[in-house]
Amino acid sequence: MLEFTGENEMGQSKEELWPHFTDTDILAECAPGCKEMNLVSPHEIEAVMAVGVGSVKPEFDVDVVVTRTDRPDVLEMKATGHAPRNEFETVAEMELRENDGGTTVVWSASADVSGTIASLGGRALKSVTNRLVEKFFSQMQEKANEGVPAESELEAAPEEDAALESDN
């Protein structure tokens, strides 16, 4: 199990940022390697992500379930990804905390990775993940700074749906 944590400072209030973090069009534009992202329901997203770690560059079909929202404070998601000879499962949480004139985004994720990509080792995966996360937040900050219109589309799955999804 790989564990990731971090904090990013952003210049807007959490109320201003929340729609950006919950708009799938903006998420698709900001997520490095995202080739496609579709909102299936307010709590389900399907995406195609290409992630390169060294010479291994799998393209994952990703299913995401929003497991918790507390607007505009907390967003939690579960994701599973499948690619030839590679798989991952992850749980990610993001908390938005007001600070002097902006927001600190505190995030964490745990991931179970298997297949060819896992053979590259935790250090390589953490390095790539940290680079991708920094790029994501940089692009998200750019969108927010430019005043790109955003519409909040995501909400938490009903508990029974989230439980069913975690069994799949």
Protein backbone atom coordinates (compact mmCIF):
# COMPACT_ATOMS: atom_id res chain seq x y z
CA MET A 1 0.00 0.00 0.00
CA LEU A 2 1.39 3.38 -1.02
CA GLU A 3 0.52 6.45 1.04
CA PHE A 4 0.62 10.00 -0.28
CA THR A 5 -0.04 13.30 1.52
CA GLY A 6 0.49 16.95 0.80
CA GLU A 7 -0.70 20.53 1.07
CA ASN A 8 -1.17 23.15 -1.61
CA GLU A 9 -1.79 26.84 -1.08
CA MET A 10 -4.35 28.43 -3.38
CA GLY A 11 -5.33 32.08 -3.68
CA GLN A 12 -9.12 31.73 -3.63
CA SER A 13 -11.62 30.98 -0.87
CA LYS A 14 -12.81 27.40 -0.49
CA GLU A 15 -16.29 28.51 -1.67
CA GLU A 16 -14.71 29.80 -4.89
CA LEU A 17 -12.57 26.66 -5.34
CA TRP A 18 -15.18 24.00 -4.57
CA PRO A 19 -16.94 24.22 -7.97
CA HIS A 20 -13.57 23.85 -9.73
CA PHE A 21 -12.74 20.67 -7.80
CA THR A 22 -16.19 19.21 -8.51
CA ASP A 23 -16.61 20.12 -12.20
CA THR A 24 -15.64 17.14 -14.36
CA ASP A 25 -14.75 19.30 -17.39
CA ILE A 26 -12.24 21.25 -15.30
CA LEU A 27 -10.98 18.09 -13.58
CA ALA A 28 -10.40 16.51 -17.01
CA GLU A 29 -8.43 19.54 -18.19
CA CYS A 30 -6.29 19.68 -15.05
CA ALA A 31 -5.64 15.97 -14.46
CA PRO A 32 -2.33 15.06 -16.15
CA GLY A 33 -2.74 12.17 -18.56
CA CYS A 34 -6.54 12.42 -18.69
CA LYS A 35 -7.69 11.44 -22.16
CA GLU A 36 -11.39 11.30 -21.38
CA MET A 37 -13.71 11.92 -18.42
CA ASN A 38 -17.45 11.33 -18.32
CA LEU A 39 -19.92 12.06 -15.56
CA VAL A 40 -22.10 8.94 -15.28
CA SER A 41 -24.11 10.23 -12.32
CA PRO A 42 -23.51 12.89 -9.64
CA HIS A 43 -21.42 10.33 -7.74
CA GLU A 44 -19.84 8.29 -10.57
CA ILE A 45 -17.15 9.21 -13.08
CA GLU A 46 -15.59 7.12 -15.83
CA ALA A 47 -12.23 8.21 -17.21
CA VAL A 48 -9.35 7.10 -19.38
CA MET A 49 -5.95 8.03 -17.94
CA ALA A 50 -2.50 7.47 -19.44
CA VAL A 51 0.22 7.42 -16.80
CA GLY A 52 3.89 6.94 -17.51
CA VAL A 53 6.39 5.70 -14.96
CA GLY A 54 9.75 5.24 -16.64
CA SER A 55 9.30 3.09 -19.72
CA VAL A 56 5.93 1.76 -18.52
CA LYS A 57 3.02 3.83 -19.88
CA PRO A 58 -0.29 2.05 -19.30
CA GLU A 59 -3.65 3.54 -20.25
CA PHE A 60 -6.16 2.91 -17.48
CA ASP A 61 -9.93 2.67 -17.67
CA VAL A 62 -10.86 4.31 -14.38
CA ASP A 63 -14.10 4.13 -12.39
CA VAL A 64 -14.51 6.74 -9.66
CA VAL A 65 -17.13 6.89 -6.92
CA VAL A 66 -17.55 9.99 -4.78
CA THR A 67 -17.82 8.53 -1.29
CA ARG A 68 -18.09 11.72 0.77
CA THR A 69 -18.73 15.40 0.27
CA ASP A 70 -19.05 18.14 2.84
CA ARG A 71 -19.33 21.26 0.69
CA PRO A 72 -17.04 23.26 0.64
CA ASP A 73 -14.76 21.45 3.08
CA VAL A 74 -14.22 17.78 2.19
CA LEU A 75 -14.23 15.68 -0.97
CA GLU A 76 -13.45 11.96 -0.85
CA MET A 77 -13.33 9.52 -3.76
CA LYS A 78 -12.56 5.87 -4.44
CA ALA A 79 -11.10 4.91 -7.79
CA THR A 80 -10.19 1.67 -9.51
CA GLY A 81 -8.19 1.50 -12.68
CA HIS A 82 -7.57 -1.34 -15.10
CA ALA A 83 -5.02 -1.53 -17.91
CA PRO A 84 -3.35 -4.51 -19.58
CA ARG A 85 -1.13 -6.14 -16.91
CA ASN A 86 -1.77 -3.25 -14.46
CA GLU A 87 -4.37 -2.36 -11.85
CA PHE A 88 -4.83 0.10 -9.03
CA GLU A 89 -7.28 0.92 -6.28
CA THR A 90 -7.09 4.21 -4.45
CA VAL A 91 -8.93 6.27 -1.89
CA ALA A 92 -8.26 10.00 -1.96
CA GLU A 93 -9.43 12.74 0.36
CA MET A 94 -9.11 16.47 0.02
CA GLU A 95 -9.87 19.01 2.74
CA LEU A 96 -10.12 22.73 2.00
CA ARG A 97 -9.08 24.97 4.90
CA GLU A 98 -9.39 28.75 4.90
CA ASN A 99 -6.17 30.64 5.52
CA ASP A 100 -5.17 34.31 5.30
CA GLY A 101 -6.72 35.35 2.01
CA GLY A 102 -6.90 31.92 0.44
CA THR A 103 -7.22 28.19 0.99
CA THR A 104 -4.88 25.42 2.02
CA VAL A 105 -5.80 22.19 0.27
CA VAL A 106 -4.75 19.27 2.47
CA TRP A 107 -4.88 15.99 0.56
CA SER A 108 -4.08 12.35 1.16
CA ALA A 109 -4.37 9.15 -0.83
CA SER A 110 -3.64 5.51 -0.34
CA ALA A 111 -3.15 3.29 -3.35
CA ASP A 112 -2.81 -0.40 -3.98
CA VAL A 113 -0.97 -0.90 -7.27
CA SER A 114 -0.33 -4.20 -9.01
CA GLY A 115 1.18 -5.35 -12.26
CA THR A 116 4.07 -4.07 -14.34
CA ILE A 117 3.83 -0.55 -12.95
CA ALA A 118 4.14 -1.85 -9.38
CA SER A 119 7.40 -3.62 -10.25
CA LEU A 120 9.05 -0.20 -10.68
CA GLY A 121 8.93 0.30 -6.93
CA GLY A 122 7.39 2.69 -4.47
CA ARG A 123 10.06 5.36 -4.80
CA ALA A 124 9.53 5.74 -8.56
CA LEU A 125 5.74 5.71 -8.15
CA LYS A 126 5.86 8.34 -5.38
CA SER A 127 8.12 10.59 -7.44
CA VAL A 128 5.83 10.44 -10.48
CA THR A 129 2.72 10.86 -8.32
CA ASN A 130 4.13 13.93 -6.58
CA ARG A 131 4.99 15.49 -9.95
CA LEU A 132 1.49 14.78 -11.32
CA VAL A 133 -0.20 16.17 -8.19
CA GLU A 134 1.85 19.38 -8.38
CA LYS A 135 0.91 19.77 -12.04
CA PHE A 136 -2.77 19.18 -11.23
CA PHE A 137 -2.83 21.86 -8.51
CA SER A 138 -0.87 24.29 -10.68
CA GLN A 139 -3.36 23.90 -13.52
CA MET A 140 -6.30 24.14 -11.12
CA GLN A 141 -4.87 27.38 -9.68
CA GLU A 142 -4.49 28.72 -13.22
CA LYS A 143 -8.16 27.98 -14.01
CA ALA A 144 -9.29 29.63 -10.76
CA ASN A 145 -7.05 32.68 -11.39
CA GLU A 146 -8.45 33.06 -14.91
CA GLY A 147 -12.00 32.95 -13.52
CA VAL A 148 -12.95 29.95 -15.66
CA PRO A 149 -16.63 29.28 -14.93
CA ALA A 150 -17.14 26.09 -12.92
CA GLU A 151 -20.25 24.20 -11.92
CA SER A 152 -20.29 21.79 -9.01
CA GLU A 153 -21.47 18.42 -10.37
CA LEU A 154 -20.37 15.92 -7.75
CA GLU A 155 -22.11 14.66 -4.65
CA ALA A 156 -21.56 11.68 -2.40
CA ALA A 157 -23.04 8.34 -3.35
CA PRO A 158 -25.84 7.09 -1.13
CA GLU A 159 -24.29 4.79 1.47
CA GLU A 160 -25.77 1.62 -0.03
CA ASP A 161 -24.40 2.53 -3.49
CA ALA A 162 -20.94 3.30 -2.10
CA ALA A 163 -20.92 -0.06 -0.31
CA LEU A 164 -21.92 -1.88 -3.48
CA GLU A 165 -19.29 -0.07 -5.53
CA SER A 166 -16.55 -0.99 -3.06
CA ASP A 167 -17.44 -4.67 -3.50
CA ASN A 168 -16.88 -4.53 -7.30
